[in-house]
């Protein structure tokens, strides 16, 4: 991005590593399951219910989905996940709720996630 801006703005634009540390690298996960991590407050504008809807459509891939984040809509979100994914033998999920930033960093470094 920085190489596409005018030189006069180069001192005003800088990368912002939101939710990660600039030097943080994750190892390539191992195993047969696709491990997905979502990390967000549960608010309507994020449309997190679409993750549940998408997972409900998948039948031929084994997926582990972990969600970190809470909010006023957490109980409704958890109920929707339980309802739509209850018969999916290929989908495992865990809704961890709100976590402190340091706990999130520890989870990112200790678990094998394929995508965030």
C-alpha atoms as a PDB file:
ATOM      1  CA  UNK A   1       0.000   0.000   0.000  1.00  0.00           C
ATOM      2  CA  UNK A   2       2.748   2.437   0.905  1.00  0.00           C
ATOM      3  CA  UNK A   3       4.408   2.106  -2.490  1.00  0.00           C
ATOM      4  CA  UNK A   4       1.181   3.209  -4.201  1.00  0.00           C
ATOM      5  CA  UNK A   5       0.966   6.571  -2.458  1.00  0.00           C
ATOM      6  CA  UNK A   6       2.578   9.852  -3.199  1.00  0.00           C
ATOM      7  CA  UNK A   7       5.895  10.485  -1.459  1.00  0.00           C
ATOM      8  CA  UNK A   8       4.372  13.512   0.270  1.00  0.00           C
ATOM      9  CA  UNK A   9       2.093  11.180   2.245  1.00  0.00           C
ATOM     10  CA  UNK A  10       4.688   8.538   3.138  1.00  0.00           C
ATOM     11  CA  UNK A  11       5.279  10.006   6.594  1.00  0.00           C
ATOM     12  CA  UNK A  12       1.525  10.031   7.320  1.00  0.00           C
ATOM     13  CA  UNK A  13       0.711   6.415   6.448  1.00  0.00           C
ATOM     14  CA  UNK A  14       1.883   3.416   8.415  1.00  0.00           C
ATOM     15  CA  UNK A  15       0.744  -0.192   8.823  1.00  0.00           C
ATOM     16  CA  UNK A  16      -1.497  -0.952  11.796  1.00  0.00           C
ATOM     17  CA  UNK A  17      -1.226  -4.562  12.961  1.00  0.00           C
ATOM     18  CA  UNK A  18      -4.698  -4.880  14.415  1.00  0.00           C
ATOM     19  CA  UNK A  19      -5.090  -7.905  16.639  1.00  0.00           C
ATOM     20  CA  UNK A  20      -1.579  -9.229  16.038  1.00  0.00           C
ATOM     21  CA  UNK A  21       1.938  -8.363  16.927  1.00  0.00           C
ATOM     22  CA  UNK A  22       4.071  -7.116  14.007  1.00  0.00           C
ATOM     23  CA  UNK A  23       6.605  -9.929  14.449  1.00  0.00           C
ATOM     24  CA  UNK A  24       4.078 -12.679  15.014  1.00  0.00           C
ATOM     25  CA  UNK A  25       4.314 -15.630  12.618  1.00  0.00           C
ATOM     26  CA  UNK A  26       2.230 -18.763  12.846  1.00  0.00           C
ATOM     27  CA  UNK A  27       3.438 -22.205  11.820  1.00  0.00           C
ATOM     28  CA  UNK A  28       1.632 -24.029   9.053  1.00  0.00           C
ATOM     29  CA  UNK A  29      -1.009 -26.177  10.752  1.00  0.00           C
ATOM     30  CA  UNK A  30      -0.852 -29.936  10.571  1.00  0.00           C
ATOM     31  CA  UNK A  31      -3.676 -32.452  10.434  1.00  0.00           C
ATOM     32  CA  UNK A  32      -6.608 -33.320   8.254  1.00  0.00           C
ATOM     33  CA  UNK A  33      -9.193 -30.896   9.608  1.00  0.00           C
ATOM     34  CA  UNK A  34      -9.514 -27.331   8.380  1.00  0.00           C
ATOM     35  CA  UNK A  35      -9.251 -25.140  11.482  1.00  0.00           C
ATOM     36  CA  UNK A  36     -10.911 -21.749  11.185  1.00  0.00           C
ATOM     37  CA  UNK A  37     -10.726 -18.963  13.769  1.00  0.00           C
ATOM     38  CA  UNK A  38     -13.104 -16.026  13.905  1.00  0.00           C
ATOM     39  CA  UNK A  39     -12.250 -13.188  16.241  1.00  0.00           C
ATOM     40  CA  UNK A  40     -14.810 -10.444  16.724  1.00  0.00           C
ATOM     41  CA  UNK A  41     -17.358  -8.929  19.033  1.00  0.00           C
ATOM     42  CA  UNK A  42     -20.756 -10.344  18.238  1.00  0.00           C
ATOM     43  CA  UNK A  43     -22.576  -7.376  16.781  1.00  0.00           C
ATOM     44  CA  UNK A  44     -25.026  -7.378  13.875  1.00  0.00           C
ATOM     45  CA  UNK A  45     -22.839  -5.290  11.568  1.00  0.00           C
ATOM     46  CA  UNK A  46     -20.175  -8.040  11.562  1.00  0.00           C
ATOM     47  CA  UNK A  47     -22.705 -10.543  10.129  1.00  0.00           C
ATOM     48  CA  UNK A  48     -21.064 -13.439  11.957  1.00  0.00           C
ATOM     49  CA  UNK A  49     -24.199 -15.522  11.451  1.00  0.00           C
ATOM     50  CA  UNK A  50     -22.987 -16.002   7.879  1.00  0.00           C
ATOM     51  CA  UNK A  51     -20.161 -18.189   9.186  1.00  0.00           C
ATOM     52  CA  UNK A  52     -22.755 -20.500  10.716  1.00  0.00           C
ATOM     53  CA  UNK A  53     -24.838 -20.462   7.526  1.00  0.00           C
ATOM     54  CA  UNK A  54     -21.780 -21.307   5.410  1.00  0.00           C
ATOM     55  CA  UNK A  55     -20.664 -24.125   7.706  1.00  0.00           C
ATOM     56  CA  UNK A  56     -24.152 -25.614   7.581  1.00  0.00           C
ATOM     57  CA  UNK A  57     -23.765 -26.022   3.801  1.00  0.00           C
ATOM     58  CA  UNK A  58     -20.489 -27.967   3.962  1.00  0.00           C
ATOM     59  CA  UNK A  59     -20.667 -31.755   3.965  1.00  0.00           C
ATOM     60  CA  UNK A  60     -17.410 -33.088   2.570  1.00  0.00           C
ATOM     61  CA  UNK A  61     -14.739 -31.243   4.582  1.00  0.00           C
ATOM     62  CA  UNK A  62     -13.961 -31.758   8.251  1.00  0.00           C
ATOM     63  CA  UNK A  63     -13.826 -28.372   9.927  1.00  0.00           C
ATOM     64  CA  UNK A  64     -13.012 -27.140  13.395  1.00  0.00           C
ATOM     65  CA  UNK A  65     -14.317 -23.623  13.957  1.00  0.00           C
ATOM     66  CA  UNK A  66     -13.291 -21.552  16.957  1.00  0.00           C
ATOM     67  CA  UNK A  67     -14.866 -18.194  17.710  1.00  0.00           C
ATOM     68  CA  UNK A  68     -13.377 -15.730  20.165  1.00  0.00           C
ATOM     69  CA  UNK A  69     -15.522 -12.772  21.107  1.00  0.00           C
ATOM     70  CA  UNK A  70     -18.627 -11.940  23.031  1.00  0.00           C
ATOM     71  CA  UNK A  71     -21.244  -9.285  23.198  1.00  0.00           C
ATOM     72  CA  UNK A  72     -24.926  -8.747  23.772  1.00  0.00           C
ATOM     73  CA  UNK A  73     -25.787 -11.144  20.947  1.00  0.00           C
ATOM     74  CA  UNK A  74     -23.663 -14.052  22.234  1.00  0.00           C
ATOM     75  CA  UNK A  75     -26.522 -16.219  23.529  1.00  0.00           C
ATOM     76  CA  UNK A  76     -28.536 -15.844  20.319  1.00  0.00           C
ATOM     77  CA  UNK A  77     -25.383 -16.549  18.271  1.00  0.00           C
ATOM     78  CA  UNK A  78     -24.641 -19.700  20.292  1.00  0.00           C
ATOM     79  CA  UNK A  79     -28.246 -20.883  19.940  1.00  0.00           C
ATOM     80  CA  UNK A  80     -28.126 -20.416  16.159  1.00  0.00           C
ATOM     81  CA  UNK A  81     -24.852 -22.364  15.948  1.00  0.00           C
ATOM     82  CA  UNK A  82     -26.272 -25.180  18.047  1.00  0.00           C
ATOM     83  CA  UNK A  83     -29.459 -25.344  15.980  1.00  0.00           C
ATOM     84  CA  UNK A  84     -27.874 -25.195  12.520  1.00  0.00           C
ATOM     85  CA  UNK A  85     -24.787 -27.320  13.214  1.00  0.00           C
ATOM     86  CA  UNK A  86     -26.214 -29.981  15.559  1.00  0.00           C
ATOM     87  CA  UNK A  87     -26.449 -32.675  12.868  1.00  0.00           C
ATOM     88  CA  UNK A  88     -23.155 -31.851  11.149  1.00  0.00           C
ATOM     89  CA  UNK A  89     -20.785 -34.698  11.971  1.00  0.00           C
ATOM     90  CA  UNK A  90     -18.012 -33.044   9.957  1.00  0.00           C
ATOM     91  CA  UNK A  91     -18.185 -29.718  11.826  1.00  0.00           C
ATOM     92  CA  UNK A  92     -16.872 -29.186  15.342  1.00  0.00           C
ATOM     93  CA  UNK A  93     -16.992 -25.772  16.930  1.00  0.00           C
ATOM     94  CA  UNK A  94     -16.274 -23.926  20.128  1.00  0.00           C
ATOM     95  CA  UNK A  95     -17.492 -20.478  21.072  1.00  0.00           C
ATOM     96  CA  UNK A  96     -15.001 -19.172  23.619  1.00  0.00           C
ATOM     97  CA  UNK A  97     -16.663 -15.843  24.355  1.00  0.00           C
ATOM     98  CA  UNK A  98     -14.780 -12.685  25.231  1.00  0.00           C
ATOM     99  CA  UNK A  99     -11.085 -13.078  26.018  1.00  0.00           C
ATOM    100  CA  UNK A 100      -8.429 -10.629  27.166  1.00  0.00           C
ATOM    101  CA  UNK A 101      -5.939  -9.586  24.502  1.00  0.00           C
ATOM    102  CA  UNK A 102      -3.123 -11.575  26.110  1.00  0.00           C
ATOM    103  CA  UNK A 103      -5.270 -14.727  26.087  1.00  0.00           C
ATOM    104  CA  UNK A 104      -5.981 -14.170  22.395  1.00  0.00           C
ATOM    105  CA  UNK A 105      -2.264 -13.876  21.626  1.00  0.00           C
ATOM    106  CA  UNK A 106      -1.602 -17.095  23.542  1.00  0.00           C
ATOM    107  CA  UNK A 107      -4.334 -18.911  21.602  1.00  0.00           C
ATOM    108  CA  UNK A 108      -2.978 -17.630  18.294  1.00  0.00           C
ATOM    109  CA  UNK A 109       0.474 -18.931  19.108  1.00  0.00           C
ATOM    110  CA  UNK A 110      -0.564 -22.253  20.617  1.00  0.00           C
ATOM    111  CA  UNK A 111      -3.236 -23.505  18.229  1.00  0.00           C
ATOM    112  CA  UNK A 112      -3.017 -24.619  14.623  1.00  0.00           C
ATOM    113  CA  UNK A 113      -5.361 -22.344  12.682  1.00  0.00           C
ATOM    114  CA  UNK A 114      -5.468 -22.438   8.911  1.00  0.00           C
ATOM    115  CA  UNK A 115      -7.264 -19.136   8.524  1.00  0.00           C
ATOM    116  CA  UNK A 116      -8.479 -16.180  10.538  1.00  0.00           C
END
